[in-house]
Amino acid sequence: SSGINAEYGGWDKLCTDGPGIGYFPRADKSWLIVKPGLENRAKETFGGTEVKITTEGHRYLGAPLGTDAFKQKFIKEKVGAWVQGLDSLVKIAQSEPQAAFSAFSIGLSKKWLF
């Protein structure tokens, strides 16, 4: 719980000092990932803010942060979408191979870079 207090201190300082250097933190877009069992303490500590609290995880800059289960679910969904896109290209390639190749090289392959 001292870690949660430290996080709140950092958040408070960011909210106080940030605008002076051009940074305006938005609690409604902020997430705090805590260990199971600390969620209630975190909600009490951050209760006056709109910071969202989870024990599972959240995406940050497109990458999953959190529990192994959260990361595995994220990756499974991401790969599933890729497979679906590839399946669509396979169907198109049977009659329009050049169009499928173009769609793959310009579009689908870029999504694999995250």
PDB file of N, CA and C in Angstrom:
ATOM      1  N   SER A   1       0.820  -1.193   0.000  1.00  0.00           N
ATOM      2  CA  SER A   1       0.000   0.000   0.000  1.00  0.00           C
ATOM      3  C   SER A   1       0.862   1.253   0.000  1.00  0.00           C
ATOM      4  N   SER A   2       2.106   1.174   0.503  1.00  0.00           N
ATOM      5  CA  SER A   2       2.975   2.357   0.416  1.00  0.00           C
ATOM      6  C   SER A   2       3.287   2.657  -1.044  1.00  0.00           C
ATOM      7  N   GLY A   3       3.296   1.609  -1.898  1.00  0.00           N
ATOM      8  CA  GLY A   3       3.488   1.810  -3.334  1.00  0.00           C
ATOM      9  C   GLY A   3       2.337   2.596  -3.935  1.00  0.00           C
ATOM     10  N   ILE A   4       1.120   2.314  -3.477  1.00  0.00           N
ATOM     11  CA  ILE A   4      -0.049   3.037  -3.970  1.00  0.00           C
ATOM     12  C   ILE A   4       0.016   4.494  -3.526  1.00  0.00           C
ATOM     13  N   ASN A   5       0.440   4.719  -2.288  1.00  0.00           N
ATOM     14  CA  ASN A   5       0.585   6.104  -1.809  1.00  0.00           C
ATOM     15  C   ASN A   5       1.637   6.849  -2.633  1.00  0.00           C
ATOM     16  N   ALA A   6       2.709   6.164  -2.970  1.00  0.00           N
ATOM     17  CA  ALA A   6       3.751   6.783  -3.796  1.00  0.00           C
ATOM     18  C   ALA A   6       3.217   7.092  -5.194  1.00  0.00           C
ATOM     19  N   GLU A   7       2.435   6.176  -5.747  1.00  0.00           N
ATOM     20  CA  GLU A   7       1.838   6.421  -7.059  1.00  0.00           C
ATOM     21  C   GLU A   7       0.917   7.637  -7.011  1.00  0.00           C
ATOM     22  N   TYR A   8       0.132   7.728  -5.935  1.00  0.00           N
ATOM     23  CA  TYR A   8      -0.766   8.874  -5.807  1.00  0.00           C
ATOM     24  C   TYR A   8       0.034  10.173  -5.658  1.00  0.00           C
ATOM     25  N   GLY A   9       1.117  10.118  -4.901  1.00  0.00           N
ATOM     26  CA  GLY A   9       1.981  11.296  -4.763  1.00  0.00           C
ATOM     27  C   GLY A   9       2.527  11.738  -6.102  1.00  0.00           C
ATOM     28  N   GLY A  10       2.930  10.760  -6.911  1.00  0.00           N
ATOM     29  CA  GLY A  10       3.422  11.073  -8.255  1.00  0.00           C
ATOM     30  C   GLY A  10       2.328  11.661  -9.133  1.00  0.00           C
ATOM     31  N   TRP A  11       1.126  11.094  -9.036  1.00  0.00           N
ATOM     32  CA  TRP A  11      -0.011  11.597  -9.811  1.00  0.00           C
ATOM     33  C   TRP A  11      -0.349  13.029  -9.391  1.00  0.00           C
ATOM     34  N   ASP A  12      -0.385  13.249  -8.096  1.00  0.00           N
ATOM     35  CA  ASP A  12      -0.711  14.567  -7.573  1.00  0.00           C
ATOM     36  C   ASP A  12       0.321  15.609  -8.039  1.00  0.00           C
ATOM     37  N   LYS A  13       1.586  15.246  -7.975  1.00  0.00           N
ATOM     38  CA  LYS A  13       2.650  16.154  -8.417  1.00  0.00           C
ATOM     39  C   LYS A  13       2.544  16.423  -9.919  1.00  0.00           C
ATOM     40  N   LEU A  14       2.228  15.392 -10.674  1.00  0.00           N
ATOM     41  CA  LEU A  14       2.065  15.555 -12.113  1.00  0.00           C
ATOM     42  C   LEU A  14       0.911  16.510 -12.427  1.00  0.00           C
ATOM     43  N   CYS A  15      -0.192  16.362 -11.700  1.00  0.00           N
ATOM     44  CA  CYS A  15      -1.350  17.250 -11.903  1.00  0.00           C
ATOM     45  C   CYS A  15      -1.037  18.682 -11.489  1.00  0.00           C
ATOM     46  N   THR A  16      -0.221  18.840 -10.458  1.00  0.00           N
ATOM     47  CA  THR A  16       0.124  20.172  -9.953  1.00  0.00           C
ATOM     48  C   THR A  16       1.193  20.848 -10.806  1.00  0.00           C
ATOM     49  N   ASP A  17       2.267  20.129 -11.085  1.00  0.00           N
ATOM     50  CA  ASP A  17       3.406  20.724 -11.791  1.00  0.00           C
ATOM     51  C   ASP A  17       3.339  20.600 -13.309  1.00  0.00           C
ATOM     52  N   GLY A  18       2.598  19.608 -13.803  1.00  0.00           N
ATOM     53  CA  GLY A  18       2.544  19.349 -15.242  1.00  0.00           C
ATOM     54  C   GLY A  18       2.123  20.539 -16.085  1.00  0.00           C
ATOM     55  N   PRO A  19       1.024  21.209 -15.735  1.00  0.00           N
ATOM     56  CA  PRO A  19       0.590  22.337 -16.565  1.00  0.00           C
ATOM     57  C   PRO A  19       1.637  23.440 -16.705  1.00  0.00           C
ATOM     58  N   GLY A  20       2.480  23.608 -15.720  1.00  0.00           N
ATOM     59  CA  GLY A  20       3.532  24.621 -15.793  1.00  0.00           C
ATOM     60  C   GLY A  20       4.560  24.341 -16.871  1.00  0.00           C
ATOM     61  N   ILE A  21       4.678  23.084 -17.279  1.00  0.00           N
ATOM     62  CA  ILE A  21       5.620  22.721 -18.346  1.00  0.00           C
ATOM     63  C   ILE A  21       4.882  22.239 -19.605  1.00  0.00           C
ATOM     64  N   GLY A  22       3.573  22.530 -19.643  1.00  0.00           N
ATOM     65  CA  GLY A  22       2.801  22.211 -20.848  1.00  0.00           C
ATOM     66  C   GLY A  22       2.216  20.820 -20.892  1.00  0.00           C
ATOM     67  N   TYR A  23       2.217  20.097 -19.776  1.00  0.00           N
ATOM     68  CA  TYR A  23       1.638  18.753 -19.742  1.00  0.00           C
ATOM     69  C   TYR A  23       0.367  18.788 -18.897  1.00  0.00           C
ATOM     70  N   PHE A  24      -0.717  18.347 -19.482  1.00  0.00           N
ATOM     71  CA  PHE A  24      -2.009  18.385 -18.809  1.00  0.00           C
ATOM     72  C   PHE A  24      -2.553  16.966 -18.670  1.00  0.00           C
ATOM     73  N   PRO A  25      -2.256  16.304 -17.552  1.00  0.00           N
ATOM     74  CA  PRO A  25      -2.694  14.920 -17.368  1.00  0.00           C
ATOM     75  C   PRO A  25      -4.217  14.814 -17.335  1.00  0.00           C
ATOM     76  N   ARG A  26      -4.724  13.745 -17.926  1.00  0.00           N
ATOM     77  CA  ARG A  26      -6.166  13.509 -17.951  1.00  0.00           C
ATOM     78  C   ARG A  26      -6.474  12.221 -17.211  1.00  0.00           C
ATOM     79  N   ALA A  27      -7.102  12.364 -16.061  1.00  0.00           N
ATOM     80  CA  ALA A  27      -7.435  11.199 -15.241  1.00  0.00           C
ATOM     81  C   ALA A  27      -8.388  10.268 -15.969  1.00  0.00           C
ATOM     82  N   ASP A  28      -9.284  10.818 -16.787  1.00  0.00           N
ATOM     83  CA  ASP A  28     -10.259   9.986 -17.483  1.00  0.00           C
ATOM     84  C   ASP A  28      -9.616   9.087 -18.538  1.00  0.00           C
ATOM     85  N   LYS A  29      -8.358   9.348 -18.885  1.00  0.00           N
ATOM     86  CA  LYS A  29      -7.629   8.509 -19.834  1.00  0.00           C
ATOM     87  C   LYS A  29      -6.494   7.739 -19.160  1.00  0.00           C
ATOM     88  N   SER A  30      -6.429   7.789 -17.839  1.00  0.00           N
ATOM     89  CA  SER A  30      -5.321   7.176 -17.104  1.00  0.00           C
ATOM     90  C   SER A  30      -5.754   5.886 -16.429  1.00  0.00           C
ATOM     91  N   TRP A  31      -4.849   4.932 -16.411  1.00  0.00           N
ATOM     92  CA  TRP A  31      -5.104   3.622 -15.804  1.00  0.00           C
ATOM     93  C   TRP A  31      -4.016   3.305 -14.792  1.00  0.00           C
ATOM     94  N   LEU A  32      -4.427   2.703 -13.683  1.00  0.00           N
ATOM     95  CA  LEU A  32      -3.503   2.209 -12.661  1.00  0.00           C
ATOM     96  C   LEU A  32      -3.701   0.704 -12.567  1.00  0.00           C
ATOM     97  N   ILE A  33      -2.651  -0.046 -12.841  1.00  0.00           N
ATOM     98  CA  ILE A  33      -2.707  -1.507 -12.753  1.00  0.00           C
ATOM     99  C   ILE A  33      -2.103  -1.913 -11.416  1.00  0.00           C
ATOM    100  N   VAL A  34      -2.912  -2.581 -10.576  1.00  0.00           N
ATOM    101  CA  VAL A  34      -2.465  -2.974  -9.244  1.00  0.00           C
ATOM    102  C   VAL A  34      -2.541  -4.490  -9.078  1.00  0.00           C
ATOM    103  N   LYS A  35      -1.813  -4.984  -8.111  1.00  0.00           N
ATOM    104  CA  LYS A  35      -1.844  -6.411  -7.798  1.00  0.00           C
ATOM    105  C   LYS A  35      -3.191  -6.759  -7.167  1.00  0.00           C
ATOM    106  N   PRO A  36      -3.653  -8.003  -7.390  1.00  0.00           N
ATOM    107  CA  PRO A  36      -4.892  -8.431  -6.740  1.00  0.00           C
ATOM    108  C   PRO A  36      -4.783  -8.253  -5.221  1.00  0.00           C
ATOM    109  N   GLY A  37      -5.857  -7.803  -4.624  1.00  0.00           N
ATOM    110  CA  GLY A  37      -5.865  -7.549  -3.191  1.00  0.00           C
ATOM    111  C   GLY A  37      -5.594  -6.097  -2.837  1.00  0.00           C
ATOM    112  N   LEU A  38      -5.053  -5.332  -3.773  1.00  0.00           N
ATOM    113  CA  LEU A  38      -4.769  -3.924  -3.521  1.00  0.00           C
ATOM    114  C   LEU A  38      -5.758  -2.995  -4.226  1.00  0.00           C
ATOM    115  N   GLU A  39      -6.719  -3.586  -4.908  1.00  0.00           N
ATOM    116  CA  GLU A  39      -7.656  -2.782  -5.685  1.00  0.00           C
ATOM    117  C   GLU A  39      -8.481  -1.842  -4.799  1.00  0.00           C
ATOM    118  N   ASN A  40      -8.988  -2.337  -3.687  1.00  0.00           N
ATOM    119  CA  ASN A  40      -9.792  -1.484  -2.801  1.00  0.00           C
ATOM    120  C   ASN A  40      -8.973  -0.333  -2.238  1.00  0.00           C
ATOM    121  N   ARG A  41      -7.742  -0.621  -1.847  1.00  0.00           N
ATOM    122  CA  ARG A  41      -6.852   0.424  -1.315  1.00  0.00           C
ATOM    123  C   ARG A  41      -6.578   1.480  -2.377  1.00  0.00           C
ATOM    124  N   ALA A  42      -6.371   1.023  -3.602  1.00  0.00           N
ATOM    125  CA  ALA A  42      -6.123   1.954  -4.701  1.00  0.00           C
ATOM    126  C   ALA A  42      -7.361   2.811  -4.970  1.00  0.00           C
ATOM    127  N   LYS A  43      -8.537   2.203  -4.918  1.00  0.00           N
ATOM    128  CA  LYS A  43      -9.776   2.965  -5.143  1.00  0.00           C
ATOM    129  C   LYS A  43      -9.987   4.006  -4.052  1.00  0.00           C
ATOM    130  N   GLU A  44      -9.637   3.662  -2.823  1.00  0.00           N
ATOM    131  CA  GLU A  44      -9.732   4.637  -1.732  1.00  0.00           C
ATOM    132  C   GLU A  44      -8.765   5.799  -1.954  1.00  0.00           C
ATOM    133  N   THR A  45      -7.536   5.453  -2.303  1.00  0.00           N
ATOM    134  CA  THR A  45      -6.491   6.461  -2.467  1.00  0.00           C
ATOM    135  C   THR A  45      -6.771   7.374  -3.655  1.00  0.00           C
ATOM    136  N   PHE A  46      -7.196   6.797  -4.778  1.00  0.00           N
ATOM    137  CA  PHE A  46      -7.445   7.570  -5.997  1.00  0.00           C
ATOM    138  C   PHE A  46      -8.921   7.946  -6.139  1.00  0.00           C
ATOM    139  N   GLY A  47      -9.698   7.804  -5.071  1.00  0.00           N
ATOM    140  CA  GLY A  47     -11.135   8.028  -5.109  1.00  0.00           C
ATOM    141  C   GLY A  47     -11.578   9.383  -5.600  1.00  0.00           C
ATOM    142  N   GLY A  48     -10.802  10.409  -5.360  1.00  0.00           N
ATOM    143  CA  GLY A  48     -11.183  11.751  -5.794  1.00  0.00           C
ATOM    144  C   GLY A  48     -10.806  12.056  -7.228  1.00  0.00           C
ATOM    145  N   THR A  49     -10.293  11.066  -7.934  1.00  0.00           N
ATOM    146  CA  THR A  49      -9.871  11.264  -9.320  1.00  0.00           C
ATOM    147  C   THR A  49     -10.719  10.384 -10.231  1.00  0.00           C
ATOM    148  N   GLU A  50     -10.538  10.559 -11.515  1.00  0.00           N
ATOM    149  CA  GLU A  50     -11.207   9.695 -12.496  1.00  0.00           C
ATOM    150  C   GLU A  50     -10.268   8.595 -13.002  1.00  0.00           C
ATOM    151  N   VAL A  51      -9.133   8.397 -12.333  1.00  0.00           N
ATOM    152  CA  VAL A  51      -8.187   7.364 -12.742  1.00  0.00           C
ATOM    153  C   VAL A  51      -8.875   6.004 -12.641  1.00  0.00           C
ATOM    154  N   LYS A  52      -8.767   5.222 -13.707  1.00  0.00           N
ATOM    155  CA  LYS A  52      -9.365   3.886 -13.732  1.00  0.00           C
ATOM    156  C   LYS A  52      -8.380   2.892 -13.117  1.00  0.00           C
ATOM    157  N   ILE A  53      -8.912   1.924 -12.369  1.00  0.00           N
ATOM    158  CA  ILE A  53      -8.074   0.969 -11.645  1.00  0.00           C
ATOM    159  C   ILE A  53      -8.447  -0.440 -12.068  1.00  0.00           C
ATOM    160  N   THR A  54      -7.441  -1.255 -12.333  1.00  0.00           N
ATOM    161  CA  THR A  54      -7.669  -2.638 -12.740  1.00  0.00           C
ATOM    162  C   THR A  54      -6.603  -3.548 -12.143  1.00  0.00           C
ATOM    163  N   THR A  55      -6.951  -4.807 -11.992  1.00  0.00           N
ATOM    164  CA  THR A  55      -5.963  -5.816 -11.588  1.00  0.00           C
ATOM    165  C   THR A  55      -5.571  -6.684 -12.781  1.00  0.00           C
ATOM    166  N   GLU A  56      -6.258  -6.514 -13.895  1.00  0.00           N
ATOM    167  CA  GLU A  56      -6.017  -7.349 -15.073  1.00  0.00           C
ATOM    168  C   GLU A  56      -4.906  -6.789 -15.949  1.00  0.00           C
ATOM    169  N   GLY A  57      -5.135  -5.609 -16.479  1.00  0.00           N
ATOM    170  CA  GLY A  57      -4.157  -5.003 -17.369  1.00  0.00           C
ATOM    171  C   GLY A  57      -4.825  -4.003 -18.286  1.00  0.00           C
ATOM    172  N   HIS A  58      -3.996  -3.388 -19.111  1.00  0.00           N
ATOM    173  CA  HIS A  58      -4.490  -2.392 -20.065  1.00  0.00           C
ATOM    174  C   HIS A  58      -3.452  -2.237 -21.160  1.00  0.00           C
ATOM    175  N   ARG A  59      -3.888  -1.736 -22.316  1.00  0.00           N
ATOM    176  CA  ARG A  59      -2.961  -1.471 -23.410  1.00  0.00           C
ATOM    177  C   ARG A  59      -2.265  -0.133 -23.183  1.00  0.00           C
ATOM    178  N   TYR A  60      -0.982  -0.093 -23.499  1.00  0.00           N
ATOM    179  CA  TYR A  60      -0.219   1.156 -23.444  1.00  0.00           C
ATOM    180  C   TYR A  60       0.605   1.244 -24.714  1.00  0.00           C
ATOM    181  N   LEU A  61       0.374   2.283 -25.504  1.00  0.00           N
ATOM    182  CA  LEU A  61       1.050   2.458 -26.785  1.00  0.00           C
ATOM    183  C   LEU A  61       0.927   1.212 -27.657  1.00  0.00           C
ATOM    184  N   GLY A  62      -0.245   0.584 -27.605  1.00  0.00           N
ATOM    185  CA  GLY A  62      -0.530  -0.578 -28.434  1.00  0.00           C
ATOM    186  C   GLY A  62      -0.071  -1.908 -27.873  1.00  0.00           C
ATOM    187  N   ALA A  63       0.632  -1.909 -26.758  1.00  0.00           N
ATOM    188  CA  ALA A  63       1.143  -3.150 -26.186  1.00  0.00           C
ATOM    189  C   ALA A  63       0.414  -3.465 -24.875  1.00  0.00           C
ATOM    190  N   PRO A  64       0.216  -4.746 -24.591  1.00  0.00           N
ATOM    191  CA  PRO A  64      -0.480  -5.103 -23.357  1.00  0.00           C
ATOM    192  C   PRO A  64       0.434  -5.058 -22.139  1.00  0.00           C
ATOM    193  N   LEU A  65      -0.052  -4.459 -21.056  1.00  0.00           N
ATOM    194  CA  LEU A  65       0.641  -4.462 -19.764  1.00  0.00           C
ATOM    195  C   LEU A  65      -0.298  -5.097 -18.751  1.00  0.00           C
ATOM    196  N   GLY A  66       0.201  -5.984 -17.931  1.00  0.00           N
ATOM    197  CA  GLY A  66      -0.639  -6.580 -16.900  1.00  0.00           C
ATOM    198  C   GLY A  66      -0.343  -8.049 -16.688  1.00  0.00           C
ATOM    199  N   THR A  67      -1.381  -8.781 -16.321  1.00  0.00           N
ATOM    200  CA  THR A  67      -1.223 -10.200 -16.004  1.00  0.00           C
ATOM    201  C   THR A  67      -0.906 -11.004 -17.262  1.00  0.00           C
ATOM    202  N   ASP A  68      -0.374 -12.201 -17.053  1.00  0.00           N
ATOM    203  CA  ASP A  68      -0.108 -13.084 -18.190  1.00  0.00           C
ATOM    204  C   ASP A  68      -1.401 -13.406 -18.932  1.00  0.00           C
ATOM    205  N   ALA A  69      -2.483 -13.616 -18.204  1.00  0.00           N
ATOM    206  CA  ALA A  69      -3.771 -13.924 -18.835  1.00  0.00           C
ATOM    207  C   ALA A  69      -4.233 -12.768 -19.719  1.00  0.00           C
ATOM    208  N   PHE A  70      -4.066 -11.540 -19.248  1.00  0.00           N
ATOM    209  CA  PHE A  70      -4.452 -10.364 -20.035  1.00  0.00           C
ATOM    210  C   PHE A  70      -3.613 -10.293 -21.310  1.00  0.00           C
ATOM    211  N   LYS A  71      -2.300 -10.506 -21.179  1.00  0.00           N
ATOM    212  CA  LYS A  71      -1.415 -10.434 -22.341  1.00  0.00           C
ATOM    213  C   LYS A  71      -1.733 -11.541 -23.346  1.00  0.00           C
ATOM    214  N   GLN A  72      -2.001 -12.745 -22.850  1.00  0.00           N
ATOM    215  CA  GLN A  72      -2.337 -13.852 -23.741  1.00  0.00           C
ATOM    216  C   GLN A  72      -3.643 -13.595 -24.486  1.00  0.00           C
ATOM    217  N   LYS A  73      -4.642 -13.050 -23.797  1.00  0.00           N
ATOM    218  CA  LYS A  73      -5.917 -12.726 -24.438  1.00  0.00           C
ATOM    219  C   LYS A  73      -5.715 -11.667 -25.515  1.00  0.00           C
ATOM    220  N   PHE A  74      -4.924 -10.647 -25.200  1.00  0.00           N
ATOM    221  CA  PHE A  74      -4.627  -9.578 -26.154  1.00  0.00           C
ATOM    222  C   PHE A  74      -3.978 -10.153 -27.413  1.00  0.00           C
ATOM    223  N   ILE A  75      -2.971 -10.999 -27.222  1.00  0.00           N
ATOM    224  CA  ILE A  75      -2.244 -11.576 -28.356  1.00  0.00           C
ATOM    225  C   ILE A  75      -3.153 -12.493 -29.162  1.00  0.00           C
ATOM    226  N   LYS A  76      -3.969 -13.278 -28.485  1.00  0.00           N
ATOM    227  CA  LYS A  76      -4.896 -14.182 -29.181  1.00  0.00           C
ATOM    228  C   LYS A  76      -5.855 -13.380 -30.064  1.00  0.00           C
ATOM    229  N   GLU A  77      -6.386 -12.292 -29.544  1.00  0.00           N
ATOM    230  CA  GLU A  77      -7.293 -11.450 -30.331  1.00  0.00           C
ATOM    231  C   GLU A  77      -6.571 -10.809 -31.514  1.00  0.00           C
ATOM    232  N   LYS A  78      -5.358 -10.326 -31.271  1.00  0.00           N
ATOM    233  CA  LYS A  78      -4.578  -9.675 -32.331  1.00  0.00           C
ATOM    234  C   LYS A  78      -4.255 -10.669 -33.450  1.00  0.00           C
ATOM    235  N   VAL A  79      -3.773 -11.850 -33.077  1.00  0.00           N
ATOM    236  CA  VAL A  79      -3.419 -12.863 -34.071  1.00  0.00           C
ATOM    237  C   VAL A  79      -4.677 -13.357 -34.792  1.00  0.00           C
ATOM    238  N   GLY A  80      -5.789 -13.476 -34.062  1.00  0.00           N
ATOM    239  CA  GLY A  80      -7.052 -13.887 -34.685  1.00  0.00           C
ATOM    240  C   GLY A  80      -7.486 -12.920 -35.782  1.00  0.00           C
ATOM    241  N   ALA A  81      -7.317 -11.634 -35.533  1.00  0.00           N
ATOM    242  CA  ALA A  81      -7.654 -10.630 -36.545  1.00  0.00           C
ATOM    243  C   ALA A  81      -6.725 -10.758 -37.752  1.00  0.00           C
ATOM    244  N   TRP A  82      -5.458 -11.040 -37.519  1.00  0.00           N
ATOM    245  CA  TRP A  82      -4.518 -11.226 -38.621  1.00  0.00           C
ATOM    246  C   TRP A  82      -4.905 -12.436 -39.467  1.00  0.00           C
ATOM    247  N   VAL A  83      -5.249 -13.526 -38.801  1.00  0.00           N
ATOM    248  CA  VAL A  83      -5.646 -14.753 -39.502  1.00  0.00           C
ATOM    249  C   VAL A  83      -6.886 -14.488 -40.358  1.00  0.00           C
ATOM    250  N   GLN A  84      -7.846 -13.774 -39.793  1.00  0.00           N
ATOM    251  CA  GLN A  84      -9.061 -13.451 -40.533  1.00  0.00           C
ATOM    252  C   GLN A  84      -8.727 -12.620 -41.779  1.00  0.00           C
ATOM    253  N   GLY A  85      -7.850 -11.661 -41.634  1.00  0.00           N
ATOM    254  CA  GLY A  85      -7.432 -10.849 -42.780  1.00  0.00           C
ATOM    255  C   GLY A  85      -6.716 -11.676 -43.834  1.00  0.00           C
ATOM    256  N   LEU A  86      -5.867 -12.576 -43.387  1.00  0.00           N
ATOM    257  CA  LEU A  86      -5.141 -13.449 -44.316  1.00  0.00           C
ATOM    258  C   LEU A  86      -6.092 -14.398 -45.028  1.00  0.00           C
ATOM    259  N   ASP A  87      -7.069 -14.937 -44.311  1.00  0.00           N
ATOM    260  CA  ASP A  87      -8.068 -15.813 -44.932  1.00  0.00           C
ATOM    261  C   ASP A  87      -8.817 -15.076 -46.045  1.00  0.00           C
ATOM    262  N   SER A  88      -9.145 -13.809 -45.789  1.00  0.00           N
ATOM    263  CA  SER A  88      -9.827 -13.013 -46.808  1.00  0.00           C
ATOM    264  C   SER A  88      -8.935 -12.832 -48.035  1.00  0.00           C
ATOM    265  N   LEU A  89      -7.662 -12.573 -47.803  1.00  0.00           N
ATOM    266  CA  LEU A  89      -6.736 -12.404 -48.933  1.00  0.00           C
ATOM    267  C   LEU A  89      -6.565 -13.689 -49.729  1.00  0.00           C
ATOM    268  N   VAL A  90      -6.582 -14.829 -49.051  1.00  0.00           N
ATOM    269  CA  VAL A  90      -6.459 -16.121 -49.739  1.00  0.00           C
ATOM    270  C   VAL A  90      -7.627 -16.302 -50.710  1.00  0.00           C
ATOM    271  N   LYS A  91      -8.818 -15.942 -50.267  1.00  0.00           N
ATOM    272  CA  LYS A  91     -10.002 -16.065 -51.129  1.00  0.00           C
ATOM    273  C   LYS A  91      -9.896 -15.132 -52.329  1.00  0.00           C
ATOM    274  N   ILE A  92      -9.441 -13.918 -52.090  1.00  0.00           N
ATOM    275  CA  ILE A  92      -9.284 -12.949 -53.187  1.00  0.00           C
ATOM    276  C   ILE A  92      -8.189 -13.398 -54.145  1.00  0.00           C
ATOM    277  N   ALA A  93      -7.123 -13.962 -53.621  1.00  0.00           N
ATOM    278  CA  ALA A  93      -5.969 -14.355 -54.435  1.00  0.00           C
ATOM    279  C   ALA A  93      -6.316 -15.433 -55.459  1.00  0.00           C
ATOM    280  N   GLN A  94      -7.347 -16.209 -55.203  1.00  0.00           N
ATOM    281  CA  GLN A  94      -7.723 -17.272 -56.141  1.00  0.00           C
ATOM    282  C   GLN A  94      -8.177 -16.711 -57.489  1.00  0.00           C
ATOM    283  N   SER A  95      -8.799 -15.528 -57.469  1.00  0.00           N
ATOM    284  CA  SER A  95      -9.246 -14.939 -58.733  1.00  0.00           C
ATOM    285  C   SER A  95      -8.498 -13.659 -59.098  1.00  0.00           C
ATOM    286  N   GLU A  96      -7.933 -12.978 -58.103  1.00  0.00           N
ATOM    287  CA  GLU A  96      -7.227 -11.715 -58.322  1.00  0.00           C
ATOM    288  C   GLU A  96      -5.885 -11.717 -57.577  1.00  0.00           C
ATOM    289  N   PRO A  97      -4.924 -12.502 -58.032  1.00  0.00           N
ATOM    290  CA  PRO A  97      -3.668 -12.624 -57.274  1.00  0.00           C
ATOM    291  C   PRO A  97      -2.901 -11.307 -57.117  1.00  0.00           C
ATOM    292  N   GLN A  98      -2.900 -10.464 -58.156  1.00  0.00           N
ATOM    293  CA  GLN A  98      -2.160  -9.208 -58.061  1.00  0.00           C
ATOM    294  C   GLN A  98      -2.814  -8.264 -57.045  1.00  0.00           C
ATOM    295  N   ALA A  99      -4.132  -8.218 -57.023  1.00  0.00           N
ATOM    296  CA  ALA A  99      -4.845  -7.366 -56.067  1.00  0.00           C
ATOM    297  C   ALA A  99      -4.593  -7.865 -54.638  1.00  0.00           C
ATOM    298  N   ALA A 100      -4.574  -9.181 -54.454  1.00  0.00           N
ATOM    299  CA  ALA A 100      -4.322  -9.745 -53.126  1.00  0.00           C
ATOM    300  C   ALA A 100      -2.905  -9.427 -52.670  1.00  0.00           C
ATOM    301  N   PHE A 101      -1.940  -9.553 -53.565  1.00  0.00           N
ATOM    302  CA  PHE A 101      -0.559  -9.237 -53.215  1.00  0.00           C
ATOM    303  C   PHE A 101      -0.426  -7.765 -52.842  1.00  0.00           C
ATOM    304  N   SER A 102      -1.065  -6.911 -53.606  1.00  0.00           N
ATOM    305  CA  SER A 102      -1.019  -5.476 -53.337  1.00  0.00           C
ATOM    306  C   SER A 102      -1.643  -5.163 -51.974  1.00  0.00           C
ATOM    307  N   ALA A 103      -2.794  -5.756 -51.700  1.00  0.00           N
ATOM    308  CA  ALA A 103      -3.455  -5.545 -50.404  1.00  0.00           C
ATOM    309  C   ALA A 103      -2.587  -6.054 -49.260  1.00  0.00           C
ATOM    310  N   PHE A 104      -1.913  -7.170 -49.487  1.00  0.00           N
ATOM    311  CA  PHE A 104      -1.033  -7.707 -48.447  1.00  0.00           C
ATOM    312  C   PHE A 104       0.155  -6.789 -48.202  1.00  0.00           C
ATOM    313  N   SER A 105       0.845  -6.398 -49.280  1.00  0.00           N
ATOM    314  CA  SER A 105       2.083  -5.629 -49.104  1.00  0.00           C
ATOM    315  C   SER A 105       1.830  -4.190 -48.660  1.00  0.00           C
ATOM    316  N   ILE A 106       0.715  -3.610 -49.062  1.00  0.00           N
ATOM    317  CA  ILE A 106       0.427  -2.233 -48.679  1.00  0.00           C
ATOM    318  C   ILE A 106      -0.335  -2.142 -47.365  1.00  0.00           C
ATOM    319  N   GLY A 107      -1.190  -3.120 -47.098  1.00  0.00           N
ATOM    320  CA  GLY A 107      -2.067  -3.017 -45.917  1.00  0.00           C
ATOM    321  C   GLY A 107      -1.788  -4.012 -44.820  1.00  0.00           C
ATOM    322  N   LEU A 108      -2.106  -5.266 -45.080  1.00  0.00           N
ATOM    323  CA  LEU A 108      -2.103  -6.274 -44.020  1.00  0.00           C
ATOM    324  C   LEU A 108      -0.741  -6.464 -43.359  1.00  0.00           C
ATOM    325  N   SER A 109       0.319  -6.518 -44.137  1.00  0.00           N
ATOM    326  CA  SER A 109       1.639  -6.755 -43.548  1.00  0.00           C
ATOM    327  C   SER A 109       2.057  -5.630 -42.610  1.00  0.00           C
ATOM    328  N   LYS A 110       1.571  -4.420 -42.855  1.00  0.00           N
ATOM    329  CA  LYS A 110       1.909  -3.285 -41.993  1.00  0.00           C
ATOM    330  C   LYS A 110       1.277  -3.431 -40.595  1.00  0.00           C
ATOM    331  N   LYS A 111       0.118  -4.085 -40.530  1.00  0.00           N
ATOM    332  CA  LYS A 111      -0.549  -4.290 -39.244  1.00  0.00           C
ATOM    333  C   LYS A 111       0.246  -5.238 -38.342  1.00  0.00           C
ATOM    334  N   TRP A 112       1.083  -6.055 -38.943  1.00  0.00           N
ATOM    335  CA  TRP A 112       1.859  -7.014 -38.173  1.00  0.00           C
ATOM    336  C   TRP A 112       3.001  -6.344 -37.409  1.00  0.00           C
ATOM    337  N   LEU A 113       3.269  -5.111 -37.715  1.00  0.00           N
ATOM    338  CA  LEU A 113       4.327  -4.385 -37.023  1.00  0.00           C
ATOM    339  C   LEU A 113       3.848  -3.790 -35.707  1.00  0.00           C
ATOM    340  N   PHE A 114       2.559  -3.962 -35.420  1.00  0.00           N
ATOM    341  CA  PHE A 114       1.856  -3.393 -34.260  1.00  0.00           C
ATOM    342  C   PHE A 114       1.710  -1.953 -34.535  1.00  0.00           C
TER     343      PHE A 114
END
